[in-house]
Amino acid sequence: MGIYAKYLLPKVVHFACGLKPAARQREKVVPLAEGRVLEIGIGSGLNIPFYDPHKVQHLWGLDPSAEMWAIAQKNADRHRINAEFIQSGAESIPLDNHCADTVMMTYTMCTIPDVRAALDEIRRVLKPGGKLVFCEHGKAPDESVQRWQNRINPLWGKIGGGCHLNRPIPGLLEQSGFKSSDMQTMYLPGWRPASFNYWGTAGY
């Protein structure tokens, strides 16, 4: 791991993902979590202030970066969330089958190297009747924006910790057996190639 990825990237991601438009999205979806919650890509813990401590029994925060968790743990302590860090990628989650009532993903699918494998693992650990809560940026509906997403994506991934601008979020969920009846979409304020959002809940 280089100096940029180890020391600078966590701060860049914390800043970019903590901007007001993204924070407003988190405020919409994170309070939907309940029971035993697994957050995929907890990062620096930007979701933690929005969890309802009366509804969340336990929070597993999964992330490959221990540097990010150092920031997240402070948020968890401050907001009285019972949180446990799991240092791992999402493609192989070290938890038992059907152990989570809620799986939370916010601005995470863009960076997972193998999204299909990760979604298969999420199905494995999610209880029947449980819910996947998601808020993601991805492929825009306008062809002009898509062209820019496709053009910029290779360079963007290098400076953004593997982030992809153009992942087709609905298709990825459907291919992994998830169904959402309440998915919403819109452009958030900001740079259009990175601002088209999908959010809602999904089950299987």
C-alpha atoms as a PDB file:
ATOM      1  CA  MET A   1       0.000   0.000   0.000  1.00  0.00           C
ATOM      2  CA  GLY A   2       1.476   3.348  -1.058  1.00  0.00           C
ATOM      3  CA  ILE A   3       1.681   6.544   0.982  1.00  0.00           C
ATOM      4  CA  TYR A   4      -1.281   8.080  -0.900  1.00  0.00           C
ATOM      5  CA  ALA A   5      -3.563   5.080  -0.289  1.00  0.00           C
ATOM      6  CA  LYS A   6      -2.521   4.647   3.336  1.00  0.00           C
ATOM      7  CA  TYR A   7      -2.442   8.226   4.607  1.00  0.00           C
ATOM      8  CA  LEU A   8      -4.037  10.656   2.158  1.00  0.00           C
ATOM      9  CA  LEU A   9      -6.853   8.675   0.502  1.00  0.00           C
ATOM     10  CA  PRO A  10      -8.792   8.053   3.766  1.00  0.00           C
ATOM     11  CA  LYS A  11      -8.896  11.809   4.397  1.00  0.00           C
ATOM     12  CA  VAL A  12      -9.894  12.565   0.789  1.00  0.00           C
ATOM     13  CA  VAL A  13     -12.731  10.003   0.887  1.00  0.00           C
ATOM     14  CA  HIS A  14     -13.884  11.225   4.313  1.00  0.00           C
ATOM     15  CA  PHE A  15     -14.101  14.791   3.001  1.00  0.00           C
ATOM     16  CA  ALA A  16     -15.740  13.985  -0.359  1.00  0.00           C
ATOM     17  CA  CYS A  17     -18.308  11.566   1.064  1.00  0.00           C
ATOM     18  CA  GLY A  18     -19.127  13.928   3.905  1.00  0.00           C
ATOM     19  CA  LEU A  19     -20.300  16.813   1.718  1.00  0.00           C
ATOM     20  CA  LYS A  20     -23.832  18.097   2.315  1.00  0.00           C
ATOM     21  CA  PRO A  21     -25.617  16.402  -0.645  1.00  0.00           C
ATOM     22  CA  ALA A  22     -24.303  12.971   0.421  1.00  0.00           C
ATOM     23  CA  ALA A  23     -25.069  13.694   4.087  1.00  0.00           C
ATOM     24  CA  ARG A  24     -28.694  14.461   3.188  1.00  0.00           C
ATOM     25  CA  GLN A  25     -28.918  11.088   1.434  1.00  0.00           C
ATOM     26  CA  ARG A  26     -27.512   9.311   4.461  1.00  0.00           C
ATOM     27  CA  GLU A  27     -30.103  11.033   6.612  1.00  0.00           C
ATOM     28  CA  LYS A  28     -32.823   9.490   4.423  1.00  0.00           C
ATOM     29  CA  VAL A  29     -31.672   5.876   4.468  1.00  0.00           C
ATOM     30  CA  VAL A  30     -29.548   5.129   7.540  1.00  0.00           C
ATOM     31  CA  PRO A  31     -32.410   5.479  10.080  1.00  0.00           C
ATOM     32  CA  LEU A  32     -34.117   2.543   8.296  1.00  0.00           C
ATOM     33  CA  ALA A  33     -31.563   0.164   9.842  1.00  0.00           C
ATOM     34  CA  GLU A  34     -32.673  -2.002  12.745  1.00  0.00           C
ATOM     35  CA  GLY A  35     -31.609  -5.019  14.750  1.00  0.00           C
ATOM     36  CA  ARG A  36     -28.207  -6.491  14.041  1.00  0.00           C
ATOM     37  CA  VAL A  37     -26.728  -4.352  11.293  1.00  0.00           C
ATOM     38  CA  LEU A  38     -23.845  -5.060   8.949  1.00  0.00           C
ATOM     39  CA  GLU A  39     -22.472  -1.978   7.215  1.00  0.00           C
ATOM     40  CA  ILE A  40     -20.457  -2.768   4.105  1.00  0.00           C
ATOM     41  CA  GLY A  41     -17.608  -0.310   3.653  1.00  0.00           C
ATOM     42  CA  ILE A  42     -18.100   1.605   6.881  1.00  0.00           C
ATOM     43  CA  GLY A  43     -15.096   3.752   6.042  1.00  0.00           C
ATOM     44  CA  SER A  44     -14.697   6.665   8.430  1.00  0.00           C
ATOM     45  CA  GLY A  45     -18.140   6.123   9.965  1.00  0.00           C
ATOM     46  CA  LEU A  46     -20.050   8.902   8.208  1.00  0.00           C
ATOM     47  CA  ASN A  47     -23.292   6.921   8.626  1.00  0.00           C
ATOM     48  CA  ILE A  48     -22.917   6.449  12.365  1.00  0.00           C
ATOM     49  CA  PRO A  49     -24.523   9.754  13.447  1.00  0.00           C
ATOM     50  CA  PHE A  50     -27.696   8.760  11.570  1.00  0.00           C
ATOM     51  CA  TYR A  51     -28.243   5.345  13.167  1.00  0.00           C
ATOM     52  CA  ASP A  52     -30.983   5.187  15.775  1.00  0.00           C
ATOM     53  CA  PRO A  53     -29.325   3.690  18.889  1.00  0.00           C
ATOM     54  CA  HIS A  54     -32.750   2.570  20.125  1.00  0.00           C
ATOM     55  CA  LYS A  55     -33.267   0.439  16.979  1.00  0.00           C
ATOM     56  CA  VAL A  56     -29.745  -0.867  16.366  1.00  0.00           C
ATOM     57  CA  GLN A  57     -28.730  -3.706  18.683  1.00  0.00           C
ATOM     58  CA  HIS A  58     -25.272  -4.211  17.216  1.00  0.00           C
ATOM     59  CA  LEU A  59     -23.317  -2.763  14.313  1.00  0.00           C
ATOM     60  CA  TRP A  60     -20.660  -4.674  12.420  1.00  0.00           C
ATOM     61  CA  GLY A  61     -18.540  -2.263  10.423  1.00  0.00           C
ATOM     62  CA  LEU A  62     -16.813  -4.061   7.563  1.00  0.00           C
ATOM     63  CA  ASP A  63     -13.971  -2.347   5.716  1.00  0.00           C
ATOM     64  CA  PRO A  64     -10.558  -3.375   4.361  1.00  0.00           C
ATOM     65  CA  SER A  65      -8.961  -0.191   5.753  1.00  0.00           C
ATOM     66  CA  ALA A  66      -7.935  -0.126   9.406  1.00  0.00           C
ATOM     67  CA  GLU A  67      -6.939   3.521   8.891  1.00  0.00           C
ATOM     68  CA  MET A  68     -10.571   4.415   8.138  1.00  0.00           C
ATOM     69  CA  TRP A  69     -11.820   2.502  11.184  1.00  0.00           C
ATOM     70  CA  ALA A  70      -9.635   4.606  13.454  1.00  0.00           C
ATOM     71  CA  ILE A  71     -11.884   7.542  12.506  1.00  0.00           C
ATOM     72  CA  ALA A  72     -15.112   5.496  12.615  1.00  0.00           C
ATOM     73  CA  GLN A  73     -14.531   4.208  16.150  1.00  0.00           C
ATOM     74  CA  LYS A  74     -14.538   7.761  17.506  1.00  0.00           C
ATOM     75  CA  ASN A  75     -17.926   8.371  15.852  1.00  0.00           C
ATOM     76  CA  ALA A  76     -19.346   5.144  17.287  1.00  0.00           C
ATOM     77  CA  ASP A  77     -18.221   6.002  20.808  1.00  0.00           C
ATOM     78  CA  ARG A  78     -19.604   9.523  20.556  1.00  0.00           C
ATOM     79  CA  HIS A  79     -23.026   8.353  19.369  1.00  0.00           C
ATOM     80  CA  ARG A  80     -23.267   5.362  21.730  1.00  0.00           C
ATOM     81  CA  ILE A  81     -23.460   2.755  19.000  1.00  0.00           C
ATOM     82  CA  ASN A  82     -22.301  -0.744  19.919  1.00  0.00           C
ATOM     83  CA  ALA A  83     -19.903  -1.231  17.008  1.00  0.00           C
ATOM     84  CA  GLU A  84     -17.483  -3.987  16.072  1.00  0.00           C
ATOM     85  CA  PHE A  85     -14.907  -3.575  13.299  1.00  0.00           C
ATOM     86  CA  ILE A  86     -14.285  -6.355  10.774  1.00  0.00           C
ATOM     87  CA  GLN A  87     -11.253  -5.804   8.572  1.00  0.00           C
ATOM     88  CA  SER A  88     -12.231  -7.560   5.365  1.00  0.00           C
ATOM     89  CA  GLY A  89     -13.378  -7.100   1.821  1.00  0.00           C
ATOM     90  CA  ALA A  90     -17.057  -7.630   1.027  1.00  0.00           C
ATOM     91  CA  GLU A  91     -16.417 -10.581  -1.279  1.00  0.00           C
ATOM     92  CA  SER A  92     -15.781 -12.873   1.707  1.00  0.00           C
ATOM     93  CA  ILE A  93     -17.605 -11.744   4.844  1.00  0.00           C
ATOM     94  CA  PRO A  94     -16.440 -13.569   8.004  1.00  0.00           C
ATOM     95  CA  LEU A  95     -19.905 -13.816   9.567  1.00  0.00           C
ATOM     96  CA  ASP A  96     -22.413 -16.658   9.926  1.00  0.00           C
ATOM     97  CA  ASN A  97     -25.270 -17.297   7.533  1.00  0.00           C
ATOM     98  CA  HIS A  98     -28.457 -15.289   8.169  1.00  0.00           C
ATOM     99  CA  CYS A  99     -27.004 -13.302  11.065  1.00  0.00           C
ATOM    100  CA  ALA A 100     -27.918  -9.739  10.013  1.00  0.00           C
ATOM    101  CA  ASP A 101     -31.344  -8.100  10.118  1.00  0.00           C
ATOM    102  CA  THR A 102     -30.138  -5.175   8.007  1.00  0.00           C
ATOM    103  CA  VAL A 103     -27.240  -4.694   5.618  1.00  0.00           C
ATOM    104  CA  MET A 104     -26.289  -1.073   4.942  1.00  0.00           C
ATOM    105  CA  MET A 105     -24.441   0.105   1.836  1.00  0.00           C
ATOM    106  CA  THR A 106     -23.860   3.777   1.095  1.00  0.00           C
ATOM    107  CA  TYR A 107     -21.477   4.840  -1.673  1.00  0.00           C
ATOM    108  CA  THR A 108     -19.777   1.460  -1.512  1.00  0.00           C
ATOM    109  CA  MET A 109     -20.736  -0.551  -4.606  1.00  0.00           C
ATOM    110  CA  CYS A 110     -18.622   1.795  -6.698  1.00  0.00           C
ATOM    111  CA  THR A 111     -15.367   0.604  -5.099  1.00  0.00           C
ATOM    112  CA  ILE A 112     -15.885  -3.135  -4.507  1.00  0.00           C
ATOM    113  CA  PRO A 113     -13.678  -5.035  -6.987  1.00  0.00           C
ATOM    114  CA  ASP A 114     -16.164  -7.926  -7.473  1.00  0.00           C
ATOM    115  CA  VAL A 115     -19.658  -6.563  -6.830  1.00  0.00           C
ATOM    116  CA  ARG A 116     -21.473  -9.772  -7.788  1.00  0.00           C
ATOM    117  CA  ALA A 117     -19.462 -11.802  -5.275  1.00  0.00           C
ATOM    118  CA  ALA A 118     -20.101  -9.183  -2.600  1.00  0.00           C
ATOM    119  CA  LEU A 119     -23.853  -9.164  -3.215  1.00  0.00           C
ATOM    120  CA  ASP A 120     -23.910 -12.954  -3.065  1.00  0.00           C
ATOM    121  CA  GLU A 121     -22.185 -12.751   0.328  1.00  0.00           C
ATOM    122  CA  ILE A 122     -24.682 -10.136   1.490  1.00  0.00           C
ATOM    123  CA  ARG A 123     -27.540 -12.487   0.605  1.00  0.00           C
ATOM    124  CA  ARG A 124     -25.825 -15.218   2.596  1.00  0.00           C
ATOM    125  CA  VAL A 125     -25.482 -13.198   5.811  1.00  0.00           C
ATOM    126  CA  LEU A 126     -28.860 -11.432   5.547  1.00  0.00           C
ATOM    127  CA  LYS A 127     -31.748 -13.090   7.346  1.00  0.00           C
ATOM    128  CA  PRO A 128     -34.788 -14.147   5.288  1.00  0.00           C
ATOM    129  CA  GLY A 129     -37.119 -11.179   5.508  1.00  0.00           C
ATOM    130  CA  GLY A 130     -34.202  -8.860   6.273  1.00  0.00           C
ATOM    131  CA  LYS A 131     -33.408  -5.830   4.185  1.00  0.00           C
ATOM    132  CA  LEU A 132     -30.554  -4.362   2.239  1.00  0.00           C
ATOM    133  CA  VAL A 133     -30.576  -0.564   2.598  1.00  0.00           C
ATOM    134  CA  PHE A 134     -28.613   1.166  -0.141  1.00  0.00           C
ATOM    135  CA  CYS A 135     -27.649   4.582  -1.444  1.00  0.00           C
ATOM    136  CA  GLU A 136     -25.215   4.566  -4.339  1.00  0.00           C
ATOM    137  CA  HIS A 137     -24.009   6.713  -7.205  1.00  0.00           C
ATOM    138  CA  GLY A 138     -23.765   5.064 -10.583  1.00  0.00           C
ATOM    139  CA  LYS A 139     -24.583   5.019 -14.266  1.00  0.00           C
ATOM    140  CA  ALA A 140     -26.484   8.145 -15.289  1.00  0.00           C
ATOM    141  CA  PRO A 141     -29.595   7.958 -17.511  1.00  0.00           C
ATOM    142  CA  ASP A 142     -28.400  10.652 -19.934  1.00  0.00           C
ATOM    143  CA  GLU A 143     -26.159   9.514 -22.776  1.00  0.00           C
ATOM    144  CA  SER A 144     -24.081  12.686 -22.691  1.00  0.00           C
ATOM    145  CA  VAL A 145     -23.263  12.114 -19.019  1.00  0.00           C
ATOM    146  CA  GLN A 146     -22.634   8.403 -19.631  1.00  0.00           C
ATOM    147  CA  ARG A 147     -20.027   9.288 -22.261  1.00  0.00           C
ATOM    148  CA  TRP A 148     -18.154  11.399 -19.735  1.00  0.00           C
ATOM    149  CA  GLN A 149     -18.459   8.675 -17.105  1.00  0.00           C
ATOM    150  CA  ASN A 150     -17.001   6.072 -19.458  1.00  0.00           C
ATOM    151  CA  ARG A 151     -14.239   8.400 -20.629  1.00  0.00           C
ATOM    152  CA  ILE A 152     -13.094   9.503 -17.174  1.00  0.00           C
ATOM    153  CA  ASN A 153     -13.635   6.216 -15.327  1.00  0.00           C
ATOM    154  CA  PRO A 154     -10.126   4.671 -15.757  1.00  0.00           C
ATOM    155  CA  LEU A 155      -8.348   7.737 -14.338  1.00  0.00           C
ATOM    156  CA  TRP A 156     -11.030   8.307 -11.701  1.00  0.00           C
ATOM    157  CA  GLY A 157     -10.505   4.826 -10.333  1.00  0.00           C
ATOM    158  CA  LYS A 158      -6.798   5.444  -9.830  1.00  0.00           C
ATOM    159  CA  ILE A 159      -7.238   8.625  -7.801  1.00  0.00           C
ATOM    160  CA  GLY A 160     -10.481   7.588  -6.088  1.00  0.00           C
ATOM    161  CA  GLY A 161      -9.459   4.342  -4.435  1.00  0.00           C
ATOM    162  CA  GLY A 162     -10.984   2.122  -7.137  1.00  0.00           C
ATOM    163  CA  CYS A 163     -14.247   4.082  -7.443  1.00  0.00           C
ATOM    164  CA  HIS A 164     -16.250   3.447 -10.632  1.00  0.00           C
ATOM    165  CA  LEU A 165     -18.492   6.201 -11.968  1.00  0.00           C
ATOM    166  CA  ASN A 166     -20.630   4.063 -14.264  1.00  0.00           C
ATOM    167  CA  ARG A 167     -21.820   0.960 -12.438  1.00  0.00           C
ATOM    168  CA  PRO A 168     -25.437  -0.028 -13.276  1.00  0.00           C
ATOM    169  CA  ILE A 169     -26.788  -0.301  -9.727  1.00  0.00           C
ATOM    170  CA  PRO A 170     -30.316  -1.641 -10.466  1.00  0.00           C
ATOM    171  CA  GLY A 171     -28.956  -4.307 -12.782  1.00  0.00           C
ATOM    172  CA  LEU A 172     -26.337  -5.449 -10.291  1.00  0.00           C
ATOM    173  CA  LEU A 173     -28.960  -5.836  -7.575  1.00  0.00           C
ATOM    174  CA  GLU A 174     -31.357  -7.724  -9.838  1.00  0.00           C
ATOM    175  CA  GLN A 175     -28.641 -10.083 -11.116  1.00  0.00           C
ATOM    176  CA  SER A 176     -27.924 -11.068  -7.524  1.00  0.00           C
ATOM    177  CA  GLY A 177     -31.568 -11.816  -6.740  1.00  0.00           C
ATOM    178  CA  PHE A 178     -32.452  -8.604  -4.912  1.00  0.00           C
ATOM    179  CA  LYS A 179     -35.742  -6.830  -5.574  1.00  0.00           C
ATOM    180  CA  SER A 180     -36.544  -3.240  -4.652  1.00  0.00           C
ATOM    181  CA  SER A 181     -40.040  -1.773  -4.725  1.00  0.00           C
ATOM    182  CA  ASP A 182     -39.068   1.662  -3.430  1.00  0.00           C
ATOM    183  CA  MET A 183     -35.933   2.603  -5.366  1.00  0.00           C
ATOM    184  CA  GLN A 184     -35.623   6.324  -6.047  1.00  0.00           C
ATOM    185  CA  THR A 185     -33.204   8.162  -8.331  1.00  0.00           C
ATOM    186  CA  MET A 186     -32.013  11.704  -8.939  1.00  0.00           C
ATOM    187  CA  TYR A 187     -28.991  13.847  -9.690  1.00  0.00           C
ATOM    188  CA  LEU A 188     -27.585  15.361  -6.531  1.00  0.00           C
ATOM    189  CA  PRO A 189     -26.089  18.854  -6.661  1.00  0.00           C
ATOM    190  CA  GLY A 190     -22.541  18.641  -7.915  1.00  0.00           C
ATOM    191  CA  TRP A 191     -20.471  17.169 -10.729  1.00  0.00           C
ATOM    192  CA  ARG A 192     -22.942  15.228 -12.864  1.00  0.00           C
ATOM    193  CA  PRO A 193     -20.720  12.233 -13.789  1.00  0.00           C
ATOM    194  CA  ALA A 194     -20.497  11.381 -10.071  1.00  0.00           C
ATOM    195  CA  SER A 195     -23.846  12.640  -8.809  1.00  0.00           C
ATOM    196  CA  PHE A 196     -26.593  10.353 -10.146  1.00  0.00           C
ATOM    197  CA  ASN A 197     -27.941   8.520  -7.091  1.00  0.00           C
ATOM    198  CA  TYR A 198     -29.992   5.375  -6.505  1.00  0.00           C
ATOM    199  CA  TRP A 199     -31.417   4.683  -3.045  1.00  0.00           C
ATOM    200  CA  GLY A 200     -33.994   2.519  -1.296  1.00  0.00           C
ATOM    201  CA  THR A 201     -34.348  -0.932   0.239  1.00  0.00           C
ATOM    202  CA  ALA A 202     -34.184  -4.401  -1.269  1.00  0.00           C
ATOM    203  CA  GLY A 203     -34.928  -7.956  -0.208  1.00  0.00           C
ATOM    204  CA  TYR A 204     -34.688 -11.419  -1.745  1.00  0.00           C
END
